[in-house]
Structures are given as structure tokens and as C-alpha cells.
Amino acid sequence: MHNFQPKTLFLGKNIVYLPSCHSTNDIAAEIIQTKRVFDGTIVITSDQTAGRGQRGNSWEALPNQNITVSMILKPDFLNIAQQFRLNMAVSLGIYEFLCRYLSDGLTIKWPNDIYVGSRKMGGVLIENTLSGSRITYSVVGIGLNINQLSFANDKAVSLRLASRQQDDFEIEKLIEQLCECIEKYYLQLKNGHTEIQKKKYLERVFRINEWYQYEQNGERFLGKIIDVAETGHLVMEVGEDIKKFDFKEISFVFE
């Protein structure tokens, strides 16, 4: 990472690189605890041994083949009720970055997984530090499958597989581009472009405005995603009712 030079104002200007670590999010959280932290610091590893995702799920990633990075941000312009705005901005940044290499099939599966067709390419885990009702720090953990060609889970896919590129992507260069795209949307968010980002996010949501099977408490039902609330709840049409679901209340059914 010696030549890492993203074209950004602050994101990725300070780098902590670890050849191997258990979790970049945990390392980022430890950096915050020291009180000696720069806004936009990123923690990168080539081998994350205990990566995790939403709902405590583990993240499968072979060493030196994928992007595993955590970004430290100071979104103190947001209060806790607005935290999903950051999720949307980060997801849009990742989406725009990947659009450079994929022509179609790319979507954002609520709340912030990255899908190509019905297969998962990556995900985001955002962990916030609060002071009262304000967010003082956010650790944005991002895992993206890049060069990996085989997975234990057949619902996973990598950028190389999806793009059908013959050669490996240069991970360092991709992280530079990722930082540039995420900073763009983060600064838009900071400047109050919430409604524009919400519209873009909904246009890219996986299964938006289509009827599919979902599962809650072990029971399946037919639903249609129609919106995402300010709180981050998924808004669905279920029969003649409009219902809201939290992150851990509903599962997508793949058949």
C-alpha cells in the first residue's frame, strides 16, 4: 500500500495497513478509543480472519483476493435517527464504483448488501459511536469479493466472475477508486442532498416494486418492497396492508 493515492479530499489519506487481522472494524474501533484519530482514516487488511456482517453473520474471504476495509468517519451532522442516511450514501458510492466494471445486474439489497443478479458480491457493516443523540464516529466496514473464483456459498459471486475478466484486478487501485466514490456521496450527504440520494437508492434496490416471497418467524409470505423509511425500516405491501420491517425481522427467500 506504499503507493496508495486516492484522488480524495480526506478519505484514505491516512492508512493503517495490516497484512492480517481478525476484523478491520475492531481495529478501527480501537483506533477511535485512542482519541488520536483522523477523519477519513482507513484500515485495510489482505487477510481478515474473523470478518462479520449484518446479524452477526461471518464473511468468507480468501487472503489477498478481496477488498476488506474499514473507514473511520465523523458524521456529527447526523443524529441517531438519521443514521440510515449514511448507509444509503455508502451503498451508492459502492454501487457507482462497481458500475465501472459491470454493465447490468447490479443492485443494492436492503439494507446495504451488493448483489449481482441473485448472488451477493459484498456487504457493509456500519458501527456508530454516539454522544447523546449525535453520531460522533462511524466505522464503515466494507467487504467486496474481487478476485476470488470459488465460494462455499453458491449464492456468492466476485467482481472477476461477474465481469468475466480473465486477469486479476489490482486490489490497491480498486480501493483508491472505492474511496473516491464513497467520499463523493458522503460529501453530498453532508451538504444536505438527502432526497436525491434517497431517490437514487430506491431506484437501485433489489426487488423494488416486485412481488416475491419473504420469511418472518419461520413463515413465508408474499410481499412487495415499495419504500425504505427514514429509520431504515423496509416498507412493504403485504396483501392489502402496508408493513414496516426492521433489519432482523425479515429474510429474503431465494429459490
Protein backbone atom coordinates (compact mmCIF):
# COMPACT_ATOMS: atom_id res chain seq x y z
CA MET A 1 0.00 0.00 0.00
CA HIS A 2 3.01 2.28 -0.33
CA ASN A 3 1.70 3.93 -3.50
CA PHE A 4 -1.88 4.30 -2.31
CA GLN A 5 -3.03 7.74 -3.52
CA PRO A 6 -6.79 8.17 -3.90
CA LYS A 7 -7.97 11.40 -5.54
CA THR A 8 -9.89 12.48 -2.45
CA LEU A 9 -10.02 15.39 -0.04
CA PHE A 10 -9.71 13.31 3.14
CA LEU A 11 -10.91 9.73 2.77
CA GLY A 12 -7.96 7.34 2.59
CA LYS A 13 -5.32 9.99 3.17
CA ASN A 14 -4.37 8.24 6.40
CA ILE A 15 -3.95 4.45 6.06
CA VAL A 16 -3.47 1.67 8.56
CA TYR A 17 -2.43 -1.46 6.69
CA LEU A 18 -2.25 -4.86 8.37
CA PRO A 19 -1.20 -7.95 6.40
CA SER A 20 -3.60 -9.94 8.57
CA CYS A 21 -6.09 -9.13 11.31
CA HIS A 22 -9.24 -10.55 12.88
CA SER A 23 -11.53 -7.65 11.94
CA THR A 24 -10.80 -4.25 10.39
CA ASN A 25 -13.89 -2.86 12.14
CA ASP A 26 -12.49 -3.91 15.51
CA ILE A 27 -9.11 -2.33 14.71
CA ALA A 28 -10.84 0.89 13.63
CA ALA A 29 -12.84 0.92 16.88
CA GLU A 30 -9.60 0.53 18.85
CA ILE A 31 -8.11 3.49 16.97
CA ILE A 32 -11.12 5.62 17.91
CA GLN A 33 -10.63 4.70 21.58
CA THR A 34 -7.10 6.16 21.49
CA LYS A 35 -8.58 9.61 20.69
CA ARG A 36 -5.80 10.05 18.13
CA VAL A 37 -7.85 9.55 15.02
CA PHE A 38 -8.06 11.39 11.71
CA ASP A 39 -11.37 11.73 9.91
CA GLY A 40 -11.20 9.53 6.82
CA THR A 41 -8.66 7.05 8.22
CA ILE A 42 -8.99 3.66 6.57
CA VAL A 43 -7.93 0.27 7.91
CA ILE A 44 -7.01 -2.27 5.22
CA THR A 45 -6.05 -5.90 5.52
CA SER A 46 -5.18 -8.59 2.98
CA ASP A 47 -6.36 -11.38 5.28
CA GLN A 48 -9.32 -10.84 7.61
CA THR A 49 -9.71 -13.90 9.80
CA ALA A 50 -12.95 -13.05 11.63
CA GLY A 51 -14.89 -10.69 9.38
CA ARG A 52 -18.56 -10.29 10.15
CA GLY A 53 -21.64 -8.86 8.51
CA GLN A 54 -25.17 -7.88 9.42
CA ARG A 55 -26.91 -10.04 12.07
CA GLY A 56 -23.54 -11.40 13.20
CA ASN A 57 -23.03 -13.41 10.02
CA SER A 58 -19.47 -14.41 9.16
CA TRP A 59 -17.86 -13.17 5.95
CA GLU A 60 -15.99 -15.65 3.76
CA ALA A 61 -12.95 -14.11 2.04
CA LEU A 62 -9.74 -15.79 0.93
CA PRO A 63 -6.46 -13.94 1.67
CA ASN A 64 -5.13 -11.40 -0.86
CA GLN A 65 -8.10 -11.75 -3.22
CA ASN A 66 -10.73 -9.33 -1.98
CA ILE A 67 -11.38 -5.89 -0.51
CA THR A 68 -11.64 -5.83 3.27
CA VAL A 69 -11.52 -2.27 4.53
CA SER A 70 -12.96 -0.14 7.32
CA MET A 71 -13.36 3.62 7.04
CA ILE A 72 -13.50 5.96 10.04
CA LEU A 73 -15.85 8.90 9.52
CA LYS A 74 -17.09 11.70 11.75
CA PRO A 75 -20.69 12.28 10.64
CA ASP A 76 -21.55 14.56 13.57
CA PHE A 77 -24.01 16.36 11.30
CA LEU A 78 -26.30 13.32 11.70
CA ASN A 79 -28.31 12.30 14.75
CA ILE A 80 -29.05 8.70 15.61
CA ALA A 81 -32.49 8.84 13.95
CA GLN A 82 -30.78 9.75 10.66
CA GLN A 83 -28.15 7.01 10.66
CA PHE A 84 -29.66 5.18 7.68
CA ARG A 85 -28.76 8.18 5.52
CA LEU A 86 -25.13 7.16 5.91
CA ASN A 87 -25.98 3.60 4.86
CA MET A 88 -27.55 4.93 1.68
CA ALA A 89 -24.62 7.23 0.85
CA VAL A 90 -22.06 4.45 1.35
CA SER A 91 -24.13 1.96 -0.66
CA LEU A 92 -24.46 4.43 -3.53
CA GLY A 93 -20.72 5.02 -3.51
CA ILE A 94 -20.02 1.29 -3.74
CA TYR A 95 -22.63 0.90 -6.46
CA GLU A 96 -21.10 3.68 -8.57
CA PHE A 97 -17.63 2.23 -8.11
CA LEU A 98 -18.72 -1.23 -9.29
CA CYS A 99 -20.63 0.22 -12.25
CA ARG A 100 -17.24 0.98 -13.79
CA TYR A 101 -16.78 -2.76 -14.27
CA LEU A 102 -20.29 -4.20 -14.51
CA SER A 103 -22.84 -3.21 -17.15
CA ASP A 104 -26.00 -4.71 -15.66
CA GLY A 105 -27.49 -6.85 -12.91
CA LEU A 106 -26.07 -4.74 -10.08
CA THR A 107 -28.42 -3.84 -7.20
CA ILE A 108 -28.39 -2.88 -3.52
CA LYS A 109 -30.14 -5.47 -1.39
CA TRP A 110 -31.65 -3.72 1.61
CA PRO A 111 -30.14 -2.52 3.78
CA ASN A 112 -26.69 -2.41 2.16
CA ASP A 113 -25.62 -5.68 0.55
CA ILE A 114 -24.33 -5.58 -3.01
CA TYR A 115 -25.89 -8.08 -5.39
CA VAL A 116 -25.34 -9.11 -8.99
CA GLY A 117 -28.49 -10.88 -10.09
CA SER A 118 -29.39 -13.06 -7.12
CA ARG A 119 -25.81 -13.51 -5.89
CA LYS A 120 -24.03 -11.49 -3.22
CA MET A 121 -20.83 -9.66 -4.09
CA GLY A 122 -20.34 -7.71 -0.90
CA GLY A 123 -21.74 -6.04 2.14
CA VAL A 124 -21.39 -3.20 4.58
CA LEU A 125 -21.37 -3.16 8.37
CA ILE A 126 -21.61 0.32 9.93
CA GLU A 127 -20.98 0.66 13.67
CA ASN A 128 -21.63 4.03 15.28
CA THR A 129 -20.24 5.76 18.37
CA LEU A 130 -22.72 8.14 19.99
CA SER A 131 -22.61 11.22 22.17
CA GLY A 132 -26.14 11.85 23.34
CA SER A 133 -28.28 11.67 20.20
CA ARG A 134 -25.43 12.61 17.84
CA ILE A 135 -23.15 10.27 15.91
CA THR A 136 -19.56 11.15 16.76
CA TYR A 137 -17.82 8.39 14.80
CA SER A 138 -18.87 5.77 12.28
CA VAL A 139 -16.81 2.74 11.36
CA VAL A 140 -17.83 1.70 7.87
CA GLY A 141 -16.71 -1.87 7.25
CA ILE A 142 -16.81 -2.98 3.62
CA GLY A 143 -16.22 -6.46 2.25
CA LEU A 144 -16.23 -6.93 -1.52
CA ASN A 145 -15.45 -10.15 -3.38
CA ILE A 146 -13.00 -9.20 -6.12
CA ASN A 147 -10.70 -11.92 -7.50
CA GLN A 148 -11.97 -14.98 -5.63
CA LEU A 149 -13.19 -17.68 -8.05
CA SER A 150 -14.80 -20.24 -5.73
CA PHE A 151 -17.04 -19.97 -2.69
CA ALA A 152 -18.53 -22.40 -0.20
CA ASN A 153 -21.81 -20.49 -0.58
CA ASP A 154 -23.19 -20.81 -4.11
CA LYS A 155 -25.04 -17.51 -3.65
CA ALA A 156 -21.75 -15.59 -3.56
CA VAL A 157 -20.03 -14.02 -6.56
CA SER A 158 -16.92 -11.93 -7.17
CA LEU A 159 -16.25 -8.98 -9.43
CA ARG A 160 -13.97 -11.10 -11.58
CA LEU A 161 -16.62 -13.79 -12.02
CA ALA A 162 -19.42 -11.31 -12.72
CA SER A 163 -17.39 -9.21 -15.15
CA ARG A 164 -15.80 -12.30 -16.78
CA GLN A 165 -12.42 -10.61 -16.72
CA GLN A 166 -9.60 -13.04 -17.40
CA ASP A 167 -6.95 -11.43 -15.21
CA ASP A 168 -6.99 -10.44 -11.55
CA PHE A 169 -8.00 -6.91 -10.64
CA GLU A 170 -5.43 -4.74 -8.86
CA ILE A 171 -6.87 -4.51 -5.34
CA GLU A 172 -4.95 -1.39 -4.34
CA LYS A 173 -6.20 0.56 -7.36
CA LEU A 174 -9.76 -0.57 -6.71
CA ILE A 175 -9.65 0.63 -3.10
CA GLU A 176 -8.48 4.04 -4.33
CA GLN A 177 -11.48 4.23 -6.65
CA LEU A 178 -13.81 3.00 -3.91
CA CYS A 179 -12.62 5.78 -1.58
CA GLU A 180 -13.21 8.37 -4.29
CA CYS A 181 -16.77 7.22 -4.94
CA ILE A 182 -17.74 6.93 -1.28
CA GLU A 183 -16.28 10.34 -0.44
CA LYS A 184 -18.33 11.86 -3.27
CA TYR A 185 -21.61 10.60 -1.82
CA TYR A 186 -20.56 11.28 1.76
CA LEU A 187 -19.90 14.94 0.94
CA GLN A 188 -23.22 15.12 -0.89
CA LEU A 189 -24.89 13.81 2.26
CA LYS A 190 -23.04 16.34 4.39
CA ASN A 191 -24.28 19.10 2.08
CA GLY A 192 -27.89 18.04 2.58
CA HIS A 193 -28.67 16.14 -0.62
CA THR A 194 -30.73 13.58 1.26
CA GLU A 195 -33.75 13.41 -1.03
CA ILE A 196 -31.61 12.99 -4.16
CA GLN A 197 -29.73 10.13 -2.53
CA LYS A 198 -32.93 8.51 -1.30
CA LYS A 199 -34.35 8.55 -4.84
CA LYS A 200 -31.16 7.04 -6.28
CA TYR A 201 -31.04 4.41 -3.56
CA LEU A 202 -34.64 3.29 -4.19
CA GLU A 203 -34.00 3.07 -7.94
CA ARG A 204 -31.23 0.58 -7.21
CA VAL A 205 -32.92 -1.52 -4.50
CA PHE A 206 -33.05 -5.26 -5.13
CA ARG A 207 -36.61 -6.45 -5.91
CA ILE A 208 -38.13 -2.97 -5.65
CA ASN A 209 -41.80 -2.87 -6.73
CA GLU A 210 -41.92 -6.60 -7.48
CA TRP A 211 -43.76 -9.40 -5.69
CA TYR A 212 -41.55 -12.03 -4.02
CA GLN A 213 -41.59 -14.50 -1.16
CA TYR A 214 -40.17 -13.39 2.19
CA GLU A 215 -39.95 -15.06 5.58
CA GLN A 216 -40.75 -13.84 9.09
CA ASN A 217 -40.58 -16.02 12.21
CA GLY A 218 -40.33 -19.14 10.06
CA GLU A 219 -43.41 -18.33 7.98
CA ARG A 220 -43.39 -17.27 4.34
CA PHE A 221 -45.50 -14.51 2.84
CA LEU A 222 -45.81 -12.67 -0.46
CA GLY A 223 -44.67 -9.05 -0.35
CA LYS A 224 -43.62 -6.12 -2.50
CA ILE A 225 -40.94 -3.61 -1.46
CA ILE A 226 -42.26 -0.09 -2.07
CA ASP A 227 -40.04 2.16 0.07
CA VAL A 228 -37.41 2.45 2.77
CA ALA A 229 -38.33 4.64 5.75
CA GLU A 230 -36.12 7.37 7.21
CA THR A 231 -35.46 5.00 10.11
CA GLY A 232 -34.14 2.37 7.67
CA HIS A 233 -37.19 0.12 8.01
CA LEU A 234 -38.20 -1.74 4.86
CA VAL A 235 -41.70 -0.67 3.75
CA MET A 236 -43.66 -3.44 2.04
CA GLU A 237 -47.06 -4.06 0.59
CA VAL A 238 -48.37 -7.30 2.08
CA GLY A 239 -51.82 -8.20 0.86
CA GLU A 240 -53.89 -5.07 1.43
CA ASP A 241 -51.62 -3.81 4.21
CA ILE A 242 -48.52 -1.64 4.30
CA LYS A 243 -45.99 -3.01 6.79
CA LYS A 244 -42.57 -1.95 8.04
CA PHE A 245 -39.79 -4.39 8.88
CA ASP A 246 -36.57 -3.89 10.83
CA PHE A 247 -33.23 -5.44 9.76
CA LYS A 248 -33.62 -8.63 11.79
CA GLU A 249 -37.35 -9.15 11.29
CA ILE A 250 -37.44 -10.41 7.72
CA SER A 251 -35.48 -12.71 5.40
CA PHE A 252 -35.40 -12.79 1.62
CA VAL A 253 -36.38 -16.13 0.10
CA PHE A 254 -34.25 -17.42 -2.78
CA GLU A 255 -35.49 -20.39 -4.77
